[in-house]
């Protein structure tokens, strides 16, 4: 994974990390460290992988310490998107004990969560290798974490769907209801509003809906083929004939991803990559400097 693909400026990390630190410190700060700390001790700690996986989130982990004390040094030993093995030392932090102990939980929570997303994304990407299909996340992200979670998907070898509501026009069932489920009328209204750079995607859950949309002069740029079987997806791809992007979504699991990808669709989108993925086990081993 090229580093430039994974770049996310500190401007986008900082609000998340700052809010997390404020939430953790409350109004009294780290009273445990305050009670036990004598003088100004320095601590050194290593982030160590407890599981195999993919790495994402080191820039956020760094800020969890440096925002507390600018004297803290954070040294990464691995790069974002790297495959990591249990026992690998990922990074080292050294600085005042108040910063190292105060930022520990925020750093680990974020690093473990984002690495879990990258790891699971990588597993799905591996499952569909050779099919030419892209693995995408959706807008089903945790509030306030979207930019970071979508970054983690890219770290795992996946790609991103819309980031926001204003990125593209996406007509789903609830939107079509505004037009009495009249697909041609809804597409015409969408096309009239869309600028020359804005794409339109239409969700369909039956081949009949797809056929109706394909007959429209204002057809979409992409079809979201929702909860279709592999056989239905193959038929849908044949009907679309390359005139638009074919995206499969709904109920895709690691066990079914390969058969769905082999139907000929262009994209598999999975909401659970961001909203319910399991964190990767990463620890912080602390010692006195």
C-alpha atoms as a PDB file:
ATOM      1  CA  UNK A   1       0.000   0.000   0.000  1.00  0.00           C
ATOM      2  CA  UNK A   2       1.536   3.301  -1.097  1.00  0.00           C
ATOM      3  CA  UNK A   3       1.936   5.760   1.764  1.00  0.00           C
ATOM      4  CA  UNK A   4       0.554   8.649  -0.290  1.00  0.00           C
ATOM      5  CA  UNK A   5      -2.698   6.695  -0.654  1.00  0.00           C
ATOM      6  CA  UNK A   6      -2.996   6.569   3.129  1.00  0.00           C
ATOM      7  CA  UNK A   7      -2.091  10.150   3.959  1.00  0.00           C
ATOM      8  CA  UNK A   8      -4.532  11.855   6.302  1.00  0.00           C
ATOM      9  CA  UNK A   9      -3.499  15.283   7.665  1.00  0.00           C
ATOM     10  CA  UNK A  10      -3.234  15.877  11.403  1.00  0.00           C
ATOM     11  CA  UNK A  11      -6.063  18.382  10.951  1.00  0.00           C
ATOM     12  CA  UNK A  12      -8.470  15.438  10.617  1.00  0.00           C
ATOM     13  CA  UNK A  13      -6.941  13.345  13.395  1.00  0.00           C
ATOM     14  CA  UNK A  14      -6.665  16.084  16.003  1.00  0.00           C
ATOM     15  CA  UNK A  15     -10.361  16.780  16.728  1.00  0.00           C
ATOM     16  CA  UNK A  16     -11.036  13.085  17.336  1.00  0.00           C
ATOM     17  CA  UNK A  17      -8.002  12.645  19.581  1.00  0.00           C
ATOM     18  CA  UNK A  18      -8.618  15.896  21.474  1.00  0.00           C
ATOM     19  CA  UNK A  19     -12.236  14.982  22.167  1.00  0.00           C
ATOM     20  CA  UNK A  20     -11.228  11.496  23.305  1.00  0.00           C
ATOM     21  CA  UNK A  21      -8.614  12.892  25.674  1.00  0.00           C
ATOM     22  CA  UNK A  22     -11.066  15.409  27.126  1.00  0.00           C
ATOM     23  CA  UNK A  23     -13.588  12.618  27.613  1.00  0.00           C
ATOM     24  CA  UNK A  24     -10.982  10.492  29.412  1.00  0.00           C
ATOM     25  CA  UNK A  25      -9.460  13.247  31.568  1.00  0.00           C
ATOM     26  CA  UNK A  26     -12.752  14.757  32.713  1.00  0.00           C
ATOM     27  CA  UNK A  27     -12.258  17.772  34.993  1.00  0.00           C
ATOM     28  CA  UNK A  28      -9.696  16.279  37.355  1.00  0.00           C
ATOM     29  CA  UNK A  29      -7.209  14.641  35.006  1.00  0.00           C
ATOM     30  CA  UNK A  30      -5.424  11.353  35.558  1.00  0.00           C
ATOM     31  CA  UNK A  31      -5.759  11.178  39.340  1.00  0.00           C
ATOM     32  CA  UNK A  32      -4.062   7.746  39.549  1.00  0.00           C
ATOM     33  CA  UNK A  33      -0.843   8.942  37.932  1.00  0.00           C
ATOM     34  CA  UNK A  34      -0.980  12.180  39.910  1.00  0.00           C
ATOM     35  CA  UNK A  35      -1.240  10.231  43.154  1.00  0.00           C
ATOM     36  CA  UNK A  36       1.672   7.882  42.417  1.00  0.00           C
ATOM     37  CA  UNK A  37       4.058  10.041  40.410  1.00  0.00           C
ATOM     38  CA  UNK A  38       7.077  11.333  42.289  1.00  0.00           C
ATOM     39  CA  UNK A  39       9.026  14.082  40.573  1.00  0.00           C
ATOM     40  CA  UNK A  40       9.041  14.108  36.769  1.00  0.00           C
ATOM     41  CA  UNK A  41       9.739  10.506  35.738  1.00  0.00           C
ATOM     42  CA  UNK A  42      10.193   9.538  32.116  1.00  0.00           C
ATOM     43  CA  UNK A  43       8.643   6.396  30.678  1.00  0.00           C
ATOM     44  CA  UNK A  44       9.350   4.442  27.520  1.00  0.00           C
ATOM     45  CA  UNK A  45       6.734   2.122  26.067  1.00  0.00           C
ATOM     46  CA  UNK A  46       6.407  -0.137  23.056  1.00  0.00           C
ATOM     47  CA  UNK A  47       3.286  -0.896  21.033  1.00  0.00           C
ATOM     48  CA  UNK A  48       3.306  -4.648  20.427  1.00  0.00           C
ATOM     49  CA  UNK A  49       0.999  -6.697  18.186  1.00  0.00           C
ATOM     50  CA  UNK A  50      -0.764  -9.504  20.049  1.00  0.00           C
ATOM     51  CA  UNK A  51      -2.327 -10.802  16.804  1.00  0.00           C
ATOM     52  CA  UNK A  52      -1.454 -11.014  13.115  1.00  0.00           C
ATOM     53  CA  UNK A  53      -3.156  -8.376  11.038  1.00  0.00           C
ATOM     54  CA  UNK A  54      -2.856  -5.075   9.188  1.00  0.00           C
ATOM     55  CA  UNK A  55      -1.746  -1.818  10.788  1.00  0.00           C
ATOM     56  CA  UNK A  56      -3.651   1.471  10.787  1.00  0.00           C
ATOM     57  CA  UNK A  57      -3.801   4.400  13.183  1.00  0.00           C
ATOM     58  CA  UNK A  58      -0.224   5.263  14.155  1.00  0.00           C
ATOM     59  CA  UNK A  59      -0.696   9.008  13.417  1.00  0.00           C
ATOM     60  CA  UNK A  60      -3.605   9.092  15.866  1.00  0.00           C
ATOM     61  CA  UNK A  61      -1.677   7.149  18.490  1.00  0.00           C
ATOM     62  CA  UNK A  62       1.167   9.649  18.193  1.00  0.00           C
ATOM     63  CA  UNK A  63      -1.161  12.592  18.783  1.00  0.00           C
ATOM     64  CA  UNK A  64      -2.657  10.961  21.873  1.00  0.00           C
ATOM     65  CA  UNK A  65       0.707  11.595  23.554  1.00  0.00           C
ATOM     66  CA  UNK A  66       2.093  14.692  21.847  1.00  0.00           C
ATOM     67  CA  UNK A  67      -1.093  16.693  22.402  1.00  0.00           C
ATOM     68  CA  UNK A  68      -0.629  16.101  26.124  1.00  0.00           C
ATOM     69  CA  UNK A  69       3.056  17.017  26.165  1.00  0.00           C
ATOM     70  CA  UNK A  70       5.087  18.236  23.202  1.00  0.00           C
ATOM     71  CA  UNK A  71       8.249  16.765  24.707  1.00  0.00           C
ATOM     72  CA  UNK A  72       7.000  13.258  24.010  1.00  0.00           C
ATOM     73  CA  UNK A  73       8.815  11.356  21.237  1.00  0.00           C
ATOM     74  CA  UNK A  74       6.894   8.843  19.124  1.00  0.00           C
ATOM     75  CA  UNK A  75       8.928   6.533  16.882  1.00  0.00           C
ATOM     76  CA  UNK A  76       7.096   4.240  14.424  1.00  0.00           C
ATOM     77  CA  UNK A  77       8.836   1.028  13.378  1.00  0.00           C
ATOM     78  CA  UNK A  78       6.204  -0.098  10.884  1.00  0.00           C
ATOM     79  CA  UNK A  79       4.229   1.742   8.217  1.00  0.00           C
ATOM     80  CA  UNK A  80       0.506   2.212   7.831  1.00  0.00           C
ATOM     81  CA  UNK A  81      -1.049  -0.638   5.868  1.00  0.00           C
ATOM     82  CA  UNK A  82       1.756  -3.060   6.749  1.00  0.00           C
ATOM     83  CA  UNK A  83       0.978  -6.695   7.429  1.00  0.00           C
ATOM     84  CA  UNK A  84       2.037  -7.344  11.011  1.00  0.00           C
ATOM     85  CA  UNK A  85       2.702 -10.503  12.976  1.00  0.00           C
ATOM     86  CA  UNK A  86       2.083 -11.317  16.617  1.00  0.00           C
ATOM     87  CA  UNK A  87       5.039 -10.048  18.627  1.00  0.00           C
ATOM     88  CA  UNK A  88       6.004  -7.268  16.208  1.00  0.00           C
ATOM     89  CA  UNK A  89       7.008  -3.982  17.850  1.00  0.00           C
ATOM     90  CA  UNK A  90       5.000  -1.371  15.968  1.00  0.00           C
ATOM     91  CA  UNK A  91       6.170   1.867  17.575  1.00  0.00           C
ATOM     92  CA  UNK A  92       7.779   3.312  20.669  1.00  0.00           C
ATOM     93  CA  UNK A  93       6.768   6.303  22.763  1.00  0.00           C
ATOM     94  CA  UNK A  94       9.030   8.054  25.271  1.00  0.00           C
ATOM     95  CA  UNK A  95       8.213  11.036  27.415  1.00  0.00           C
ATOM     96  CA  UNK A  96       6.897  12.318  30.723  1.00  0.00           C
ATOM     97  CA  UNK A  97       4.964   9.671  32.635  1.00  0.00           C
ATOM     98  CA  UNK A  98       1.924  11.938  32.800  1.00  0.00           C
ATOM     99  CA  UNK A  99       1.700  11.983  28.984  1.00  0.00           C
ATOM    100  CA  UNK A 100       2.525   8.314  28.379  1.00  0.00           C
ATOM    101  CA  UNK A 101       0.089   7.005  30.990  1.00  0.00           C
ATOM    102  CA  UNK A 102      -2.525   9.651  30.258  1.00  0.00           C
ATOM    103  CA  UNK A 103      -2.611   8.978  26.526  1.00  0.00           C
ATOM    104  CA  UNK A 104      -2.228   5.215  26.696  1.00  0.00           C
ATOM    105  CA  UNK A 105      -5.894   4.196  26.523  1.00  0.00           C
ATOM    106  CA  UNK A 106      -6.902   6.661  23.812  1.00  0.00           C
ATOM    107  CA  UNK A 107      -3.919   5.601  21.679  1.00  0.00           C
ATOM    108  CA  UNK A 108      -4.615   1.886  22.120  1.00  0.00           C
ATOM    109  CA  UNK A 109      -8.359   2.175  21.565  1.00  0.00           C
ATOM    110  CA  UNK A 110      -7.920   4.002  18.287  1.00  0.00           C
ATOM    111  CA  UNK A 111      -4.984   1.934  17.044  1.00  0.00           C
ATOM    112  CA  UNK A 112      -6.715  -1.367  17.828  1.00  0.00           C
ATOM    113  CA  UNK A 113     -10.014  -0.272  16.265  1.00  0.00           C
ATOM    114  CA  UNK A 114      -8.524   1.060  13.039  1.00  0.00           C
ATOM    115  CA  UNK A 115      -6.150  -1.892  12.712  1.00  0.00           C
ATOM    116  CA  UNK A 116      -9.149  -4.189  13.144  1.00  0.00           C
ATOM    117  CA  UNK A 117     -10.860  -2.475  10.211  1.00  0.00           C
ATOM    118  CA  UNK A 118      -7.695  -2.687   8.093  1.00  0.00           C
ATOM    119  CA  UNK A 119      -7.213  -6.348   9.001  1.00  0.00           C
ATOM    120  CA  UNK A 120     -10.768  -7.395   8.155  1.00  0.00           C
ATOM    121  CA  UNK A 121     -10.751  -5.372   4.938  1.00  0.00           C
ATOM    122  CA  UNK A 122      -7.530  -7.104   3.940  1.00  0.00           C
ATOM    123  CA  UNK A 123      -9.108 -10.509   4.560  1.00  0.00           C
ATOM    124  CA  UNK A 124     -12.027  -9.701   2.241  1.00  0.00           C
ATOM    125  CA  UNK A 125      -9.667  -8.251  -0.383  1.00  0.00           C
ATOM    126  CA  UNK A 126      -7.673 -11.482  -0.273  1.00  0.00           C
ATOM    127  CA  UNK A 127     -10.856 -13.544  -0.586  1.00  0.00           C
ATOM    128  CA  UNK A 128     -11.768 -11.899  -3.911  1.00  0.00           C
ATOM    129  CA  UNK A 129      -8.232 -11.693  -5.318  1.00  0.00           C
ATOM    130  CA  UNK A 130      -8.119 -12.144  -9.057  1.00  0.00           C
ATOM    131  CA  UNK A 131     -11.725 -11.139  -9.702  1.00  0.00           C
ATOM    132  CA  UNK A 132     -10.990  -7.462 -10.319  1.00  0.00           C
ATOM    133  CA  UNK A 133     -13.619  -6.463  -7.745  1.00  0.00           C
ATOM    134  CA  UNK A 134     -13.105  -3.511  -5.390  1.00  0.00           C
ATOM    135  CA  UNK A 135     -14.028  -3.803  -1.711  1.00  0.00           C
ATOM    136  CA  UNK A 136     -15.755  -0.677  -0.404  1.00  0.00           C
ATOM    137  CA  UNK A 137     -17.012   0.574   2.917  1.00  0.00           C
ATOM    138  CA  UNK A 138     -20.213   2.625   3.250  1.00  0.00           C
ATOM    139  CA  UNK A 139     -21.513   5.559   5.290  1.00  0.00           C
ATOM    140  CA  UNK A 140     -22.312   3.169   8.151  1.00  0.00           C
ATOM    141  CA  UNK A 141     -19.528   4.613  10.261  1.00  0.00           C
ATOM    142  CA  UNK A 142     -19.411   5.555  13.935  1.00  0.00           C
ATOM    143  CA  UNK A 143     -20.328   9.237  14.445  1.00  0.00           C
ATOM    144  CA  UNK A 144     -17.257  11.440  14.360  1.00  0.00           C
ATOM    145  CA  UNK A 145     -14.936   8.672  13.146  1.00  0.00           C
ATOM    146  CA  UNK A 146     -15.831   8.490   9.460  1.00  0.00           C
ATOM    147  CA  UNK A 147     -12.641   9.957   8.004  1.00  0.00           C
ATOM    148  CA  UNK A 148     -10.487   7.710  10.185  1.00  0.00           C
ATOM    149  CA  UNK A 149     -12.508   4.553   9.580  1.00  0.00           C
ATOM    150  CA  UNK A 150     -12.529   5.068   5.833  1.00  0.00           C
ATOM    151  CA  UNK A 151      -8.777   5.677   6.017  1.00  0.00           C
ATOM    152  CA  UNK A 152      -8.412   2.304   7.769  1.00  0.00           C
ATOM    153  CA  UNK A 153     -10.351   0.601   4.970  1.00  0.00           C
ATOM    154  CA  UNK A 154      -7.816   1.978   2.495  1.00  0.00           C
ATOM    155  CA  UNK A 155      -5.006   0.753   4.754  1.00  0.00           C
ATOM    156  CA  UNK A 156      -6.451  -2.738   4.362  1.00  0.00           C
ATOM    157  CA  UNK A 157      -6.439  -2.521   0.562  1.00  0.00           C
ATOM    158  CA  UNK A 158     -10.069  -1.462   0.150  1.00  0.00           C
ATOM    159  CA  UNK A 159     -11.578   1.689  -1.298  1.00  0.00           C
ATOM    160  CA  UNK A 160     -14.154   4.222  -0.205  1.00  0.00           C
ATOM    161  CA  UNK A 161     -17.754   4.816  -1.193  1.00  0.00           C
ATOM    162  CA  UNK A 162     -19.332   8.212  -0.511  1.00  0.00           C
ATOM    163  CA  UNK A 163     -17.881  10.158   2.392  1.00  0.00           C
ATOM    164  CA  UNK A 164     -20.849  12.512   2.726  1.00  0.00           C
ATOM    165  CA  UNK A 165     -24.360  13.113   1.460  1.00  0.00           C
ATOM    166  CA  UNK A 166     -23.107  15.791  -0.926  1.00  0.00           C
ATOM    167  CA  UNK A 167     -20.588  13.546  -2.699  1.00  0.00           C
ATOM    168  CA  UNK A 168     -23.084  11.955  -5.060  1.00  0.00           C
ATOM    169  CA  UNK A 169     -26.793  11.397  -5.627  1.00  0.00           C
ATOM    170  CA  UNK A 170     -27.857   7.983  -4.372  1.00  0.00           C
ATOM    171  CA  UNK A 171     -31.473   7.002  -4.937  1.00  0.00           C
ATOM    172  CA  UNK A 172     -32.647   4.361  -2.460  1.00  0.00           C
ATOM    173  CA  UNK A 173     -36.114   3.017  -1.711  1.00  0.00           C
ATOM    174  CA  UNK A 174     -36.892   5.799   0.741  1.00  0.00           C
ATOM    175  CA  UNK A 175     -35.975   8.426  -1.832  1.00  0.00           C
ATOM    176  CA  UNK A 176     -37.989   6.769  -4.588  1.00  0.00           C
ATOM    177  CA  UNK A 177     -40.994   6.899  -2.256  1.00  0.00           C
ATOM    178  CA  UNK A 178     -40.957  10.684  -2.724  1.00  0.00           C
ATOM    179  CA  UNK A 179     -41.832   9.995  -6.382  1.00  0.00           C
ATOM    180  CA  UNK A 180     -44.326   7.233  -5.702  1.00  0.00           C
ATOM    181  CA  UNK A 181     -41.622   4.679  -6.628  1.00  0.00           C
ATOM    182  CA  UNK A 182     -41.606   6.104 -10.157  1.00  0.00           C
ATOM    183  CA  UNK A 183     -38.033   5.301 -11.196  1.00  0.00           C
ATOM    184  CA  UNK A 184     -37.989   7.227 -14.532  1.00  0.00           C
ATOM    185  CA  UNK A 185     -39.334  10.380 -12.885  1.00  0.00           C
ATOM    186  CA  UNK A 186     -36.907  10.144  -9.983  1.00  0.00           C
ATOM    187  CA  UNK A 187     -33.944   9.627 -12.308  1.00  0.00           C
ATOM    188  CA  UNK A 188     -34.984  12.553 -14.483  1.00  0.00           C
ATOM    189  CA  UNK A 189     -35.246  14.844 -11.444  1.00  0.00           C
ATOM    190  CA  UNK A 190     -31.876  13.662 -10.155  1.00  0.00           C
ATOM    191  CA  UNK A 191     -30.175  14.158 -13.509  1.00  0.00           C
ATOM    192  CA  UNK A 192     -31.585  17.684 -13.780  1.00  0.00           C
ATOM    193  CA  UNK A 193     -30.124  18.588 -10.379  1.00  0.00           C
ATOM    194  CA  UNK A 194     -26.747  16.857 -10.775  1.00  0.00           C
ATOM    195  CA  UNK A 195     -23.802  18.905 -11.933  1.00  0.00           C
ATOM    196  CA  UNK A 196     -21.506  17.631 -14.669  1.00  0.00           C
ATOM    197  CA  UNK A 197     -19.134  16.094 -12.100  1.00  0.00           C
ATOM    198  CA  UNK A 198     -21.758  14.507  -9.847  1.00  0.00           C
ATOM    199  CA  UNK A 199     -22.539  10.810 -10.231  1.00  0.00           C
ATOM    200  CA  UNK A 200     -25.934   9.183  -9.720  1.00  0.00           C
ATOM    201  CA  UNK A 201     -26.423   5.731  -8.240  1.00  0.00           C
ATOM    202  CA  UNK A 202     -29.733   3.852  -8.125  1.00  0.00           C
ATOM    203  CA  UNK A 203     -30.527   1.067  -5.685  1.00  0.00           C
ATOM    204  CA  UNK A 204     -32.577  -1.803  -7.108  1.00  0.00           C
ATOM    205  CA  UNK A 205     -33.618  -4.983  -5.356  1.00  0.00           C
ATOM    206  CA  UNK A 206     -35.163  -6.827  -8.303  1.00  0.00           C
ATOM    207  CA  UNK A 207     -34.356  -7.493 -11.951  1.00  0.00           C
ATOM    208  CA  UNK A 208     -37.663  -5.875 -12.885  1.00  0.00           C
ATOM    209  CA  UNK A 209     -36.585  -2.589 -11.293  1.00  0.00           C
ATOM    210  CA  UNK A 210     -33.256  -2.841 -13.063  1.00  0.00           C
ATOM    211  CA  UNK A 211     -34.942  -3.390 -16.446  1.00  0.00           C
ATOM    212  CA  UNK A 212     -37.162  -0.355 -15.871  1.00  0.00           C
ATOM    213  CA  UNK A 213     -34.157   1.820 -15.048  1.00  0.00           C
ATOM    214  CA  UNK A 214     -32.149   0.568 -18.024  1.00  0.00           C
ATOM    215  CA  UNK A 215     -34.903   1.799 -20.345  1.00  0.00           C
ATOM    216  CA  UNK A 216     -34.623   5.357 -18.984  1.00  0.00           C
ATOM    217  CA  UNK A 217     -32.797   7.983 -21.046  1.00  0.00           C
ATOM    218  CA  UNK A 218     -31.571   9.529 -17.775  1.00  0.00           C
ATOM    219  CA  UNK A 219     -30.006   6.317 -16.534  1.00  0.00           C
ATOM    220  CA  UNK A 220     -27.686   6.288 -13.509  1.00  0.00           C
ATOM    221  CA  UNK A 221     -23.920   5.993 -13.503  1.00  0.00           C
ATOM    222  CA  UNK A 222     -24.044   3.059 -11.080  1.00  0.00           C
ATOM    223  CA  UNK A 223     -26.515   0.461  -9.837  1.00  0.00           C
ATOM    224  CA  UNK A 224     -26.568  -0.765  -6.265  1.00  0.00           C
ATOM    225  CA  UNK A 225     -27.797  -4.339  -6.575  1.00  0.00           C
ATOM    226  CA  UNK A 226     -29.240  -4.922  -3.129  1.00  0.00           C
ATOM    227  CA  UNK A 227     -29.458  -8.343  -1.467  1.00  0.00           C
ATOM    228  CA  UNK A 228     -29.367 -10.291  -4.723  1.00  0.00           C
ATOM    229  CA  UNK A 229     -28.212 -13.895  -5.038  1.00  0.00           C
ATOM    230  CA  UNK A 230     -25.111 -14.650  -7.144  1.00  0.00           C
ATOM    231  CA  UNK A 231     -27.386 -15.946  -9.903  1.00  0.00           C
ATOM    232  CA  UNK A 232     -29.419 -12.717  -9.887  1.00  0.00           C
ATOM    233  CA  UNK A 233     -26.230 -10.686  -9.859  1.00  0.00           C
ATOM    234  CA  UNK A 234     -24.908 -12.504 -12.930  1.00  0.00           C
ATOM    235  CA  UNK A 235     -28.147 -11.757 -14.751  1.00  0.00           C
ATOM    236  CA  UNK A 236     -28.028  -8.138 -13.635  1.00  0.00           C
ATOM    237  CA  UNK A 237     -24.466  -7.743 -14.910  1.00  0.00           C
ATOM    238  CA  UNK A 238     -25.531  -9.190 -18.276  1.00  0.00           C
ATOM    239  CA  UNK A 239     -28.417  -6.735 -18.430  1.00  0.00           C
ATOM    240  CA  UNK A 240     -26.243  -3.722 -17.588  1.00  0.00           C
ATOM    241  CA  UNK A 241     -23.722  -4.707 -20.290  1.00  0.00           C
ATOM    242  CA  UNK A 242     -21.064  -2.330 -19.011  1.00  0.00           C
ATOM    243  CA  UNK A 243     -23.245   0.755 -19.360  1.00  0.00           C
ATOM    244  CA  UNK A 244     -22.892   1.536 -15.657  1.00  0.00           C
ATOM    245  CA  UNK A 245     -21.019   0.342 -12.579  1.00  0.00           C
ATOM    246  CA  UNK A 246     -22.529  -2.715 -10.893  1.00  0.00           C
ATOM    247  CA  UNK A 247     -22.264  -2.698  -7.102  1.00  0.00           C
ATOM    248  CA  UNK A 248     -23.362  -5.622  -4.934  1.00  0.00           C
ATOM    249  CA  UNK A 249     -24.427  -4.899  -1.377  1.00  0.00           C
ATOM    250  CA  UNK A 250     -26.279  -6.542   1.487  1.00  0.00           C
ATOM    251  CA  UNK A 251     -25.468  -9.632   3.515  1.00  0.00           C
ATOM    252  CA  UNK A 252     -21.955 -10.082   2.147  1.00  0.00           C
ATOM    253  CA  UNK A 253     -19.734 -12.140   4.449  1.00  0.00           C
ATOM    254  CA  UNK A 254     -16.169 -13.482   4.204  1.00  0.00           C
ATOM    255  CA  UNK A 255     -17.683 -16.830   3.190  1.00  0.00           C
ATOM    256  CA  UNK A 256     -19.888 -15.425   0.412  1.00  0.00           C
ATOM    257  CA  UNK A 257     -17.654 -12.629  -0.902  1.00  0.00           C
ATOM    258  CA  UNK A 258     -15.876 -14.795  -3.475  1.00  0.00           C
ATOM    259  CA  UNK A 259     -19.017 -16.199  -5.100  1.00  0.00           C
ATOM    260  CA  UNK A 260     -20.580 -12.749  -5.215  1.00  0.00           C
ATOM    261  CA  UNK A 261     -17.442 -11.246  -6.758  1.00  0.00           C
ATOM    262  CA  UNK A 262     -17.380 -13.970  -9.418  1.00  0.00           C
ATOM    263  CA  UNK A 263     -20.830 -12.862 -10.616  1.00  0.00           C
ATOM    264  CA  UNK A 264     -19.093 -10.101 -12.583  1.00  0.00           C
ATOM    265  CA  UNK A 265     -19.970  -7.069 -10.443  1.00  0.00           C
ATOM    266  CA  UNK A 266     -17.475  -4.231 -10.114  1.00  0.00           C
ATOM    267  CA  UNK A 267     -17.794  -3.435  -6.410  1.00  0.00           C
ATOM    268  CA  UNK A 268     -18.714  -5.159  -3.160  1.00  0.00           C
ATOM    269  CA  UNK A 269     -19.805  -2.720  -0.425  1.00  0.00           C
ATOM    270  CA  UNK A 270     -19.910  -3.865   3.189  1.00  0.00           C
ATOM    271  CA  UNK A 271     -21.256  -1.655   5.972  1.00  0.00           C
ATOM    272  CA  UNK A 272     -20.025  -3.926   8.742  1.00  0.00           C
ATOM    273  CA  UNK A 273     -16.387  -3.192   7.869  1.00  0.00           C
ATOM    274  CA  UNK A 274     -16.766   0.019   9.855  1.00  0.00           C
ATOM    275  CA  UNK A 275     -19.779  -0.298  12.145  1.00  0.00           C
ATOM    276  CA  UNK A 276     -19.132  -3.648  13.837  1.00  0.00           C
ATOM    277  CA  UNK A 277     -15.668  -4.970  13.066  1.00  0.00           C
ATOM    278  CA  UNK A 278     -13.602  -6.571  15.853  1.00  0.00           C
ATOM    279  CA  UNK A 279     -10.596  -4.650  17.166  1.00  0.00           C
ATOM    280  CA  UNK A 280      -7.099  -6.042  16.651  1.00  0.00           C
ATOM    281  CA  UNK A 281      -5.334  -6.946  19.897  1.00  0.00           C
ATOM    282  CA  UNK A 282      -2.428  -4.528  20.422  1.00  0.00           C
ATOM    283  CA  UNK A 283      -0.694  -3.910  23.732  1.00  0.00           C
ATOM    284  CA  UNK A 284       1.483  -1.178  25.210  1.00  0.00           C
ATOM    285  CA  UNK A 285       4.418  -2.518  27.203  1.00  0.00           C
ATOM    286  CA  UNK A 286       5.748   0.156  29.561  1.00  0.00           C
ATOM    287  CA  UNK A 287       9.129   0.368  31.261  1.00  0.00           C
ATOM    288  CA  UNK A 288      11.051   3.132  32.975  1.00  0.00           C
ATOM    289  CA  UNK A 289      13.598   4.910  30.782  1.00  0.00           C
END
